[in-house]
């Protein structure tokens, strides 16, 4: 759903859809790569919507798991912020 909203340039809607994904208090284990990918996607959407305050919140969440992320593309996305 978020990809469709992003394609329609509804960045606020895409960010809000992604925010509904519970990554921290869940019964299943969520890999650091998955958490970082989703949080960075949310931040990118908020930046596209010109809301740097909300974007910063999700960049800070990603910062807590980036030392565990092995995927180079995610590390580069994070460093671009």
PDB file of N, CA and C in Angstrom:
ATOM      1  N   UNK A   1       0.823  -1.182   0.000  1.00  0.00           N
ATOM      2  CA  UNK A   1       0.000   0.000   0.000  1.00  0.00           C
ATOM      3  C   UNK A   1       0.878   1.261   0.000  1.00  0.00           C
ATOM      4  N   UNK A   2       1.939   1.231   0.808  1.00  0.00           N
ATOM      5  CA  UNK A   2       2.820   2.389   0.883  1.00  0.00           C
ATOM      6  C   UNK A   2       3.493   2.675  -0.460  1.00  0.00           C
ATOM      7  N   UNK A   3       3.846   1.628  -1.198  1.00  0.00           N
ATOM      8  CA  UNK A   3       4.475   1.814  -2.504  1.00  0.00           C
ATOM      9  C   UNK A   3       3.526   2.496  -3.481  1.00  0.00           C
ATOM     10  N   UNK A   4       2.261   2.126  -3.416  1.00  0.00           N
ATOM     11  CA  UNK A   4       1.255   2.741  -4.286  1.00  0.00           C
ATOM     12  C   UNK A   4       1.105   4.218  -3.941  1.00  0.00           C
ATOM     13  N   UNK A   5       1.025   4.511  -2.650  1.00  0.00           N
ATOM     14  CA  UNK A   5       0.888   5.900  -2.220  1.00  0.00           C
ATOM     15  C   UNK A   5       2.117   6.724  -2.595  1.00  0.00           C
ATOM     16  N   UNK A   6       3.283   6.142  -2.471  1.00  0.00           N
ATOM     17  CA  UNK A   6       4.507   6.844  -2.858  1.00  0.00           C
ATOM     18  C   UNK A   6       4.506   7.115  -4.363  1.00  0.00           C
ATOM     19  N   UNK A   7       4.086   6.134  -5.151  1.00  0.00           N
ATOM     20  CA  UNK A   7       4.021   6.323  -6.602  1.00  0.00           C
ATOM     21  C   UNK A   7       3.044   7.437  -6.971  1.00  0.00           C
ATOM     22  N   UNK A   8       2.010   7.610  -6.174  1.00  0.00           N
ATOM     23  CA  UNK A   8       1.025   8.678  -6.396  1.00  0.00           C
ATOM     24  C   UNK A   8       1.453   9.991  -5.743  1.00  0.00           C
ATOM     25  N   UNK A   9       2.663  10.004  -5.218  1.00  0.00           N
ATOM     26  CA  UNK A   9       3.250  11.158  -4.546  1.00  0.00           C
ATOM     27  C   UNK A   9       2.457  11.589  -3.314  1.00  0.00           C
ATOM     28  N   UNK A  10       1.796  10.625  -2.677  1.00  0.00           N
ATOM     29  CA  UNK A  10       1.128  10.868  -1.388  1.00  0.00           C
ATOM     30  C   UNK A  10       2.088  10.402  -0.298  1.00  0.00           C
ATOM     31  N   UNK A  11       3.117  11.218  -0.072  1.00  0.00           N
ATOM     32  CA  UNK A  11       4.183  10.834   0.848  1.00  0.00           C
ATOM     33  C   UNK A  11       3.715  10.780   2.291  1.00  0.00           C
ATOM     34  N   UNK A  12       2.835  11.669   2.658  1.00  0.00           N
ATOM     35  CA  UNK A  12       2.306  11.650   4.018  1.00  0.00           C
ATOM     36  C   UNK A  12       1.518  10.360   4.258  1.00  0.00           C
ATOM     37  N   UNK A  13       0.680   9.988   3.319  1.00  0.00           N
ATOM     38  CA  UNK A  13      -0.094   8.749   3.443  1.00  0.00           C
ATOM     39  C   UNK A  13       0.797   7.522   3.510  1.00  0.00           C
ATOM     40  N   UNK A  14       1.834   7.507   2.676  1.00  0.00           N
ATOM     41  CA  UNK A  14       2.768   6.377   2.672  1.00  0.00           C
ATOM     42  C   UNK A  14       3.488   6.261   4.010  1.00  0.00           C
ATOM     43  N   UNK A  15       3.920   7.389   4.545  1.00  0.00           N
ATOM     44  CA  UNK A  15       4.606   7.383   5.842  1.00  0.00           C
ATOM     45  C   UNK A  15       3.672   6.873   6.937  1.00  0.00           C
ATOM     46  N   UNK A  16       2.438   7.338   6.925  1.00  0.00           N
ATOM     47  CA  UNK A  16       1.487   6.911   7.952  1.00  0.00           C
ATOM     48  C   UNK A  16       1.160   5.427   7.856  1.00  0.00           C
ATOM     49  N   UNK A  17       1.081   4.893   6.644  1.00  0.00           N
ATOM     50  CA  UNK A  17       0.836   3.455   6.477  1.00  0.00           C
ATOM     51  C   UNK A  17       2.010   2.657   7.041  1.00  0.00           C
ATOM     52  N   UNK A  18       3.224   3.076   6.722  1.00  0.00           N
ATOM     53  CA  UNK A  18       4.405   2.365   7.213  1.00  0.00           C
ATOM     54  C   UNK A  18       4.541   2.472   8.728  1.00  0.00           C
ATOM     55  N   UNK A  19       4.102   3.584   9.292  1.00  0.00           N
ATOM     56  CA  UNK A  19       4.186   3.766  10.745  1.00  0.00           C
ATOM     57  C   UNK A  19       3.310   2.780  11.512  1.00  0.00           C
ATOM     58  N   UNK A  20       2.314   2.221  10.864  1.00  0.00           N
ATOM     59  CA  UNK A  20       1.422   1.281  11.548  1.00  0.00           C
ATOM     60  C   UNK A  20       2.064  -0.084  11.766  1.00  0.00           C
ATOM     61  N   UNK A  21       3.204  -0.318  11.132  1.00  0.00           N
ATOM     62  CA  UNK A  21       3.894  -1.599  11.305  1.00  0.00           C
ATOM     63  C   UNK A  21       4.583  -1.606  12.665  1.00  0.00           C
ATOM     64  N   UNK A  22       4.214  -2.553  13.504  1.00  0.00           N
ATOM     65  CA  UNK A  22       4.790  -2.669  14.848  1.00  0.00           C
ATOM     66  C   UNK A  22       6.107  -3.446  14.761  1.00  0.00           C
ATOM     67  N   UNK A  23       7.197  -2.762  15.009  1.00  0.00           N
ATOM     68  CA  UNK A  23       8.518  -3.391  14.901  1.00  0.00           C
ATOM     69  C   UNK A  23       9.183  -3.634  16.242  1.00  0.00           C
ATOM     70  N   UNK A  24       8.718  -2.985  17.285  1.00  0.00           N
ATOM     71  CA  UNK A  24       9.431  -3.058  18.556  1.00  0.00           C
ATOM     72  C   UNK A  24       8.777  -3.983  19.573  1.00  0.00           C
ATOM     73  N   UNK A  25       7.497  -3.940  19.719  1.00  0.00           N
ATOM     74  CA  UNK A  25       6.825  -4.763  20.724  1.00  0.00           C
ATOM     75  C   UNK A  25       5.966  -5.805  20.022  1.00  0.00           C
ATOM     76  N   UNK A  26       6.619  -6.854  19.591  1.00  0.00           N
ATOM     77  CA  UNK A  26       5.943  -7.888  18.833  1.00  0.00           C
ATOM     78  C   UNK A  26       6.435  -9.263  19.282  1.00  0.00           C
ATOM     79  N   UNK A  27       5.648 -10.270  19.035  1.00  0.00           N
ATOM     80  CA  UNK A  27       6.017 -11.633  19.426  1.00  0.00           C
ATOM     81  C   UNK A  27       7.006 -12.262  18.449  1.00  0.00           C
ATOM     82  N   UNK A  28       7.120 -11.704  17.270  1.00  0.00           N
ATOM     83  CA  UNK A  28       8.057 -12.261  16.288  1.00  0.00           C
ATOM     84  C   UNK A  28       9.344 -11.452  16.289  1.00  0.00           C
ATOM     85  N   UNK A  29      10.404 -12.087  15.896  1.00  0.00           N
ATOM     86  CA  UNK A  29      11.700 -11.426  15.835  1.00  0.00           C
ATOM     87  C   UNK A  29      11.798 -10.678  14.504  1.00  0.00           C
ATOM     88  N   UNK A  30      12.116  -9.416  14.585  1.00  0.00           N
ATOM     89  CA  UNK A  30      12.292  -8.599  13.387  1.00  0.00           C
ATOM     90  C   UNK A  30      13.773  -8.260  13.271  1.00  0.00           C
ATOM     91  N   UNK A  31      14.361  -8.647  12.151  1.00  0.00           N
ATOM     92  CA  UNK A  31      15.791  -8.437  11.934  1.00  0.00           C
ATOM     93  C   UNK A  31      16.120  -6.949  11.873  1.00  0.00           C
ATOM     94  N   UNK A  32      17.308  -6.582  12.335  1.00  0.00           N
ATOM     95  CA  UNK A  32      17.726  -5.177  12.271  1.00  0.00           C
ATOM     96  C   UNK A  32      17.654  -4.596  10.854  1.00  0.00           C
ATOM     97  N   UNK A  33      17.976  -5.406   9.838  1.00  0.00           N
ATOM     98  CA  UNK A  33      17.885  -4.940   8.452  1.00  0.00           C
ATOM     99  C   UNK A  33      16.464  -4.529   8.101  1.00  0.00           C
ATOM    100  N   UNK A  34      15.487  -5.334   8.527  1.00  0.00           N
ATOM    101  CA  UNK A  34      14.085  -5.028   8.245  1.00  0.00           C
ATOM    102  C   UNK A  34      13.652  -3.754   8.956  1.00  0.00           C
ATOM    103  N   UNK A  35      14.021  -3.637  10.228  1.00  0.00           N
ATOM    104  CA  UNK A  35      13.671  -2.436  10.989  1.00  0.00           C
ATOM    105  C   UNK A  35      14.258  -1.194  10.325  1.00  0.00           C
ATOM    106  N   UNK A  36      15.539  -1.249  10.010  1.00  0.00           N
ATOM    107  CA  UNK A  36      16.210  -0.099   9.408  1.00  0.00           C
ATOM    108  C   UNK A  36      15.575   0.266   8.070  1.00  0.00           C
ATOM    109  N   UNK A  37      15.267  -0.729   7.257  1.00  0.00           N
ATOM    110  CA  UNK A  37      14.666  -0.481   5.945  1.00  0.00           C
ATOM    111  C   UNK A  37      13.331   0.241   6.085  1.00  0.00           C
ATOM    112  N   UNK A  38      12.492  -0.224   6.978  1.00  0.00           N
ATOM    113  CA  UNK A  38      11.172   0.390   7.159  1.00  0.00           C
ATOM    114  C   UNK A  38      11.313   1.787   7.750  1.00  0.00           C
ATOM    115  N   UNK A  39      12.136   1.936   8.780  1.00  0.00           N
ATOM    116  CA  UNK A  39      12.306   3.255   9.404  1.00  0.00           C
ATOM    117  C   UNK A  39      12.903   4.260   8.433  1.00  0.00           C
ATOM    118  N   UNK A  40      13.843   3.838   7.596  1.00  0.00           N
ATOM    119  CA  UNK A  40      14.415   4.751   6.611  1.00  0.00           C
ATOM    120  C   UNK A  40      13.401   5.098   5.528  1.00  0.00           C
ATOM    121  N   UNK A  41      12.563   4.156   5.161  1.00  0.00           N
ATOM    122  CA  UNK A  41      11.502   4.439   4.190  1.00  0.00           C
ATOM    123  C   UNK A  41      10.516   5.463   4.739  1.00  0.00           C
ATOM    124  N   UNK A  42      10.184   5.319   6.007  1.00  0.00           N
ATOM    125  CA  UNK A  42       9.292   6.287   6.636  1.00  0.00           C
ATOM    126  C   UNK A  42       9.944   7.669   6.632  1.00  0.00           C
ATOM    127  N   UNK A  43      11.216   7.731   7.005  1.00  0.00           N
ATOM    128  CA  UNK A  43      11.934   9.012   7.028  1.00  0.00           C
ATOM    129  C   UNK A  43      11.990   9.634   5.633  1.00  0.00           C
ATOM    130  N   UNK A  44      12.254   8.829   4.626  1.00  0.00           N
ATOM    131  CA  UNK A  44      12.306   9.342   3.250  1.00  0.00           C
ATOM    132  C   UNK A  44      10.961   9.934   2.832  1.00  0.00           C
ATOM    133  N   UNK A  45       9.886   9.255   3.197  1.00  0.00           N
ATOM    134  CA  UNK A  45       8.557   9.772   2.861  1.00  0.00           C
ATOM    135  C   UNK A  45       8.267  11.078   3.594  1.00  0.00           C
ATOM    136  N   UNK A  46       8.636  11.148   4.874  1.00  0.00           N
ATOM    137  CA  UNK A  46       8.415  12.392   5.612  1.00  0.00           C
ATOM    138  C   UNK A  46       9.247  13.526   5.023  1.00  0.00           C
ATOM    139  N   UNK A  47      10.483  13.251   4.623  1.00  0.00           N
ATOM    140  CA  UNK A  47      11.297  14.292   3.991  1.00  0.00           C
ATOM    141  C   UNK A  47      10.663  14.753   2.678  1.00  0.00           C
ATOM    142  N   UNK A  48      10.146  13.811   1.902  1.00  0.00           N
ATOM    143  CA  UNK A  48       9.483  14.168   0.649  1.00  0.00           C
ATOM    144  C   UNK A  48       8.246  15.017   0.894  1.00  0.00           C
ATOM    145  N   UNK A  49       7.624  14.833   2.046  1.00  0.00           N
ATOM    146  CA  UNK A  49       6.453  15.617   2.432  1.00  0.00           C
ATOM    147  C   UNK A  49       6.858  16.931   3.104  1.00  0.00           C
ATOM    148  N   UNK A  50       8.144  17.179   3.222  1.00  0.00           N
ATOM    149  CA  UNK A  50       8.702  18.374   3.872  1.00  0.00           C
ATOM    150  C   UNK A  50       8.391  18.442   5.360  1.00  0.00           C
ATOM    151  N   UNK A  51       8.453  17.291   6.014  1.00  0.00           N
ATOM    152  CA  UNK A  51       8.251  17.240   7.466  1.00  0.00           C
ATOM    153  C   UNK A  51       9.509  16.647   8.089  1.00  0.00           C
ATOM    154  N   UNK A  52      10.488  17.505   8.323  1.00  0.00           N
ATOM    155  CA  UNK A  52      11.783  17.033   8.825  1.00  0.00           C
ATOM    156  C   UNK A  52      11.721  16.593  10.285  1.00  0.00           C
ATOM    157  N   UNK A  53      10.748  17.090  11.048  1.00  0.00           N
ATOM    158  CA  UNK A  53      10.624  16.698  12.454  1.00  0.00           C
ATOM    159  C   UNK A  53      10.263  15.222  12.556  1.00  0.00           C
ATOM    160  N   UNK A  54       9.245  14.781  11.812  1.00  0.00           N
ATOM    161  CA  UNK A  54       8.870  13.373  11.828  1.00  0.00           C
ATOM    162  C   UNK A  54       9.958  12.505  11.192  1.00  0.00           C
ATOM    163  N   UNK A  55      10.595  13.008  10.155  1.00  0.00           N
ATOM    164  CA  UNK A  55      11.669  12.249   9.511  1.00  0.00           C
ATOM    165  C   UNK A  55      12.804  11.997  10.494  1.00  0.00           C
ATOM    166  N   UNK A  56      13.160  13.008  11.256  1.00  0.00           N
ATOM    167  CA  UNK A  56      14.259  12.863  12.222  1.00  0.00           C
ATOM    168  C   UNK A  56      13.942  11.805  13.281  1.00  0.00           C
ATOM    169  N   UNK A  57      12.689  11.714  13.674  1.00  0.00           N
ATOM    170  CA  UNK A  57      12.282  10.721  14.670  1.00  0.00           C
ATOM    171  C   UNK A  57      12.613   9.306  14.190  1.00  0.00           C
ATOM    172  N   UNK A  58      12.362   9.033  12.912  1.00  0.00           N
ATOM    173  CA  UNK A  58      12.607   7.688  12.392  1.00  0.00           C
ATOM    174  C   UNK A  58      14.076   7.463  12.027  1.00  0.00           C
ATOM    175  N   UNK A  59      14.785   8.508  11.703  1.00  0.00           N
ATOM    176  CA  UNK A  59      16.234   8.387  11.508  1.00  0.00           C
ATOM    177  C   UNK A  59      16.891   8.026  12.834  1.00  0.00           C
ATOM    178  N   UNK A  60      16.427   8.640  13.907  1.00  0.00           N
ATOM    179  CA  UNK A  60      16.967   8.322  15.230  1.00  0.00           C
ATOM    180  C   UNK A  60      16.660   6.887  15.632  1.00  0.00           C
ATOM    181  N   UNK A  61      15.473   6.380  15.285  1.00  0.00           N
ATOM    182  CA  UNK A  61      15.161   4.976  15.575  1.00  0.00           C
ATOM    183  C   UNK A  61      16.112   4.061  14.801  1.00  0.00           C
ATOM    184  N   UNK A  62      16.340   4.377  13.546  1.00  0.00           N
ATOM    185  CA  UNK A  62      17.242   3.562  12.727  1.00  0.00           C
ATOM    186  C   UNK A  62      18.663   3.600  13.273  1.00  0.00           C
ATOM    187  N   UNK A  63      19.050   4.728  13.846  1.00  0.00           N
ATOM    188  CA  UNK A  63      20.411   4.866  14.375  1.00  0.00           C
ATOM    189  C   UNK A  63      20.719   3.832  15.445  1.00  0.00           C
ATOM    190  N   UNK A  64      19.707   3.419  16.176  1.00  0.00           N
ATOM    191  CA  UNK A  64      19.911   2.455  17.255  1.00  0.00           C
ATOM    192  C   UNK A  64      20.200   1.040  16.760  1.00  0.00           C
ATOM    193  N   UNK A  65      19.872   0.735  15.513  1.00  0.00           N
ATOM    194  CA  UNK A  65      20.123  -0.612  14.995  1.00  0.00           C
ATOM    195  C   UNK A  65      21.157  -0.643  13.867  1.00  0.00           C
ATOM    196  N   UNK A  66      21.629   0.522  13.441  1.00  0.00           N
ATOM    197  CA  UNK A  66      22.527   0.548  12.286  1.00  0.00           C
ATOM    198  C   UNK A  66      23.831  -0.205  12.528  1.00  0.00           C
ATOM    199  N   UNK A  67      24.285  -0.290  13.756  1.00  0.00           N
ATOM    200  CA  UNK A  67      25.522  -1.034  14.024  1.00  0.00           C
ATOM    201  C   UNK A  67      25.333  -2.540  13.822  1.00  0.00           C
ATOM    202  N   UNK A  68      24.080  -2.994  13.745  1.00  0.00           N
ATOM    203  CA  UNK A  68      23.782  -4.408  13.515  1.00  0.00           C
ATOM    204  C   UNK A  68      23.467  -4.718  12.050  1.00  0.00           C
ATOM    205  N   UNK A  69      23.306  -3.680  11.244  1.00  0.00           N
ATOM    206  CA  UNK A  69      22.916  -3.850   9.839  1.00  0.00           C
ATOM    207  C   UNK A  69      24.144  -4.228   9.013  1.00  0.00           C
ATOM    208  N   UNK A  70      24.026  -5.307   8.260  1.00  0.00           N
ATOM    209  CA  UNK A  70      25.119  -5.786   7.419  1.00  0.00           C
ATOM    210  C   UNK A  70      24.965  -5.357   5.965  1.00  0.00           C
ATOM    211  N   UNK A  71      23.764  -5.008   5.560  1.00  0.00           N
ATOM    212  CA  UNK A  71      23.460  -4.689   4.169  1.00  0.00           C
ATOM    213  C   UNK A  71      24.019  -3.309   3.798  1.00  0.00           C
ATOM    214  N   UNK A  72      24.909  -3.288   2.814  1.00  0.00           N
ATOM    215  CA  UNK A  72      25.598  -2.054   2.413  1.00  0.00           C
ATOM    216  C   UNK A  72      24.626  -0.996   1.894  1.00  0.00           C
ATOM    217  N   UNK A  73      23.601  -1.413   1.166  1.00  0.00           N
ATOM    218  CA  UNK A  73      22.665  -0.429   0.613  1.00  0.00           C
ATOM    219  C   UNK A  73      21.910   0.308   1.719  1.00  0.00           C
ATOM    220  N   UNK A  74      21.583  -0.394   2.791  1.00  0.00           N
ATOM    221  CA  UNK A  74      20.920   0.256   3.922  1.00  0.00           C
ATOM    222  C   UNK A  74      21.869   1.209   4.634  1.00  0.00           C
ATOM    223  N   UNK A  75      23.111   0.806   4.769  1.00  0.00           N
ATOM    224  CA  UNK A  75      24.101   1.677   5.402  1.00  0.00           C
ATOM    225  C   UNK A  75      24.282   2.962   4.597  1.00  0.00           C
ATOM    226  N   UNK A  76      24.284   2.844   3.263  1.00  0.00           N
ATOM    227  CA  UNK A  76      24.421   4.028   2.413  1.00  0.00           C
ATOM    228  C   UNK A  76      23.191   4.924   2.502  1.00  0.00           C
ATOM    229  N   UNK A  77      22.003   4.316   2.515  1.00  0.00           N
ATOM    230  CA  UNK A  77      20.777   5.114   2.664  1.00  0.00           C
ATOM    231  C   UNK A  77      20.811   5.892   3.969  1.00  0.00           C
ATOM    232  N   UNK A  78      21.240   5.254   5.036  1.00  0.00           N
ATOM    233  CA  UNK A  78      21.313   5.907   6.334  1.00  0.00           C
ATOM    234  C   UNK A  78      22.329   7.063   6.304  1.00  0.00           C
ATOM    235  N   UNK A  79      23.474   6.820   5.715  1.00  0.00           N
ATOM    236  CA  UNK A  79      24.523   7.845   5.677  1.00  0.00           C
ATOM    237  C   UNK A  79      24.118   9.043   4.826  1.00  0.00           C
ATOM    238  N   UNK A  80      23.195   8.857   3.885  1.00  0.00           N
ATOM    239  CA  UNK A  80      22.751   9.959   3.043  1.00  0.00           C
ATOM    240  C   UNK A  80      21.868  10.948   3.785  1.00  0.00           C
ATOM    241  N   UNK A  81      21.419  10.572   4.968  1.00  0.00           N
ATOM    242  CA  UNK A  81      20.621  11.516   5.754  1.00  0.00           C
ATOM    243  C   UNK A  81      21.567  12.437   6.463  1.00  0.00           C
TER     244      UNK A  81
END
